[in-house]
């Protein structure tokens, strides 16, 4: 669910930029006791995270930021860490999930 939501968000954001500027970088790494997931994609300007979490989509009535809220909830549920970075028209989500034996 986490990876699906991350990629869905990245695809939606990438569609808003010019074709030649589109990309999605996905990295999965295993570090002792943690699965580390990083997704980086282009954006147009800074993303207002609070607005994304609360804004309703005027056409469908769905929240734009539901995927991000879902990700945050699941990361916390699995004793993980979430870090969001923005700058230079990029949006980066880094997640570390505790891997239990």
Protein backbone atom coordinates (compact mmCIF):
# COMPACT_ATOMS: atom_id res chain seq x y z
CA UNK A 1 0.00 0.00 0.00
CA UNK A 2 2.79 2.42 0.92
CA UNK A 3 4.73 1.89 -2.29
CA UNK A 4 1.57 2.06 -4.40
CA UNK A 5 0.51 5.36 -2.85
CA UNK A 6 4.01 6.83 -3.22
CA UNK A 7 4.16 5.93 -6.90
CA UNK A 8 0.61 7.10 -7.55
CA UNK A 9 1.41 10.50 -6.01
CA UNK A 10 4.67 10.74 -7.98
CA UNK A 11 2.92 9.88 -11.26
CA UNK A 12 0.22 12.51 -10.69
CA UNK A 13 2.82 15.17 -9.88
CA UNK A 14 5.02 14.24 -12.86
CA UNK A 15 2.12 14.62 -15.28
CA UNK A 16 1.94 18.32 -14.36
CA UNK A 17 5.45 19.12 -15.62
CA UNK A 18 6.73 19.26 -19.19
CA UNK A 19 7.33 15.84 -20.77
CA UNK A 20 11.09 16.30 -21.06
CA UNK A 21 11.30 17.10 -17.34
CA UNK A 22 9.36 14.04 -16.13
CA UNK A 23 11.03 11.35 -14.05
CA UNK A 24 10.48 9.22 -10.98
CA UNK A 25 13.45 7.97 -8.96
CA UNK A 26 12.65 4.99 -6.75
CA UNK A 27 15.20 3.49 -4.37
CA UNK A 28 14.72 0.53 -2.06
CA UNK A 29 17.52 -0.35 0.35
CA UNK A 30 17.81 -2.70 3.26
CA UNK A 31 19.82 -1.44 6.19
CA UNK A 32 20.09 -3.44 9.41
CA UNK A 33 16.52 -3.77 10.73
CA UNK A 34 15.07 -1.21 8.28
CA UNK A 35 13.67 -1.19 4.77
CA UNK A 36 14.40 2.26 3.34
CA UNK A 37 12.17 3.61 0.55
CA UNK A 38 12.90 6.84 -1.31
CA UNK A 39 10.81 8.37 -4.08
CA UNK A 40 11.80 11.57 -5.88
CA UNK A 41 9.80 13.35 -8.57
CA UNK A 42 9.51 16.80 -10.15
CA UNK A 43 6.94 19.36 -9.06
CA UNK A 44 5.93 22.82 -10.12
CA UNK A 45 6.92 24.93 -7.13
CA UNK A 46 6.51 23.91 -3.50
CA UNK A 47 3.73 21.58 -2.45
CA UNK A 48 1.54 22.90 0.37
CA UNK A 49 1.32 19.72 2.46
CA UNK A 50 -1.43 20.97 4.77
CA UNK A 51 -3.53 22.05 1.81
CA UNK A 52 -2.97 18.69 0.14
CA UNK A 53 -4.17 16.89 3.25
CA UNK A 54 -7.37 18.89 3.56
CA UNK A 55 -8.34 20.11 0.07
CA UNK A 56 -11.26 18.36 -1.59
CA UNK A 57 -11.11 17.50 -5.25
CA UNK A 58 -13.90 19.56 -6.81
CA UNK A 59 -14.68 16.89 -9.42
CA UNK A 60 -14.66 13.70 -7.37
CA UNK A 61 -15.05 14.92 -3.80
CA UNK A 62 -11.96 12.94 -2.77
CA UNK A 63 -9.12 14.44 -0.79
CA UNK A 64 -6.00 15.15 -2.86
CA UNK A 65 -3.72 14.18 0.01
CA UNK A 66 -5.44 10.97 1.07
CA UNK A 67 -2.52 8.88 -0.20
CA UNK A 68 -0.01 10.86 1.85
CA UNK A 69 -2.19 10.63 4.96
CA UNK A 70 -2.45 6.89 4.38
CA UNK A 71 1.32 6.61 4.05
CA UNK A 72 1.91 8.56 7.28
CA UNK A 73 -0.55 6.38 9.17
CA UNK A 74 1.00 3.12 7.93
CA UNK A 75 4.56 4.29 8.61
CA UNK A 76 3.64 5.15 12.20
CA UNK A 77 1.75 1.88 12.61
CA UNK A 78 4.87 -0.06 11.62
CA UNK A 79 7.27 1.90 13.87
CA UNK A 80 8.83 3.69 10.93
CA UNK A 81 10.09 7.14 10.05
CA UNK A 82 8.88 9.52 7.35
CA UNK A 83 10.74 12.53 5.99
CA UNK A 84 9.50 14.82 3.23
CA UNK A 85 11.88 17.18 1.44
CA UNK A 86 11.15 19.87 -1.14
CA UNK A 87 13.26 22.22 -3.18
CA UNK A 88 14.40 23.05 -6.71
CA UNK A 89 11.07 21.83 -8.08
CA UNK A 90 11.52 18.37 -6.59
CA UNK A 91 9.53 16.42 -4.02
CA UNK A 92 11.25 13.64 -2.08
CA UNK A 93 9.69 11.16 0.34
CA UNK A 94 12.03 9.05 2.47
CA UNK A 95 10.64 6.24 4.60
CA UNK A 96 12.34 3.77 6.91
CA UNK A 97 10.22 0.83 8.04
CA UNK A 98 11.27 -1.38 10.94
CA UNK A 99 11.74 -4.98 9.78
CA UNK A 100 10.91 -7.36 12.59
CA UNK A 101 12.39 -10.84 12.67
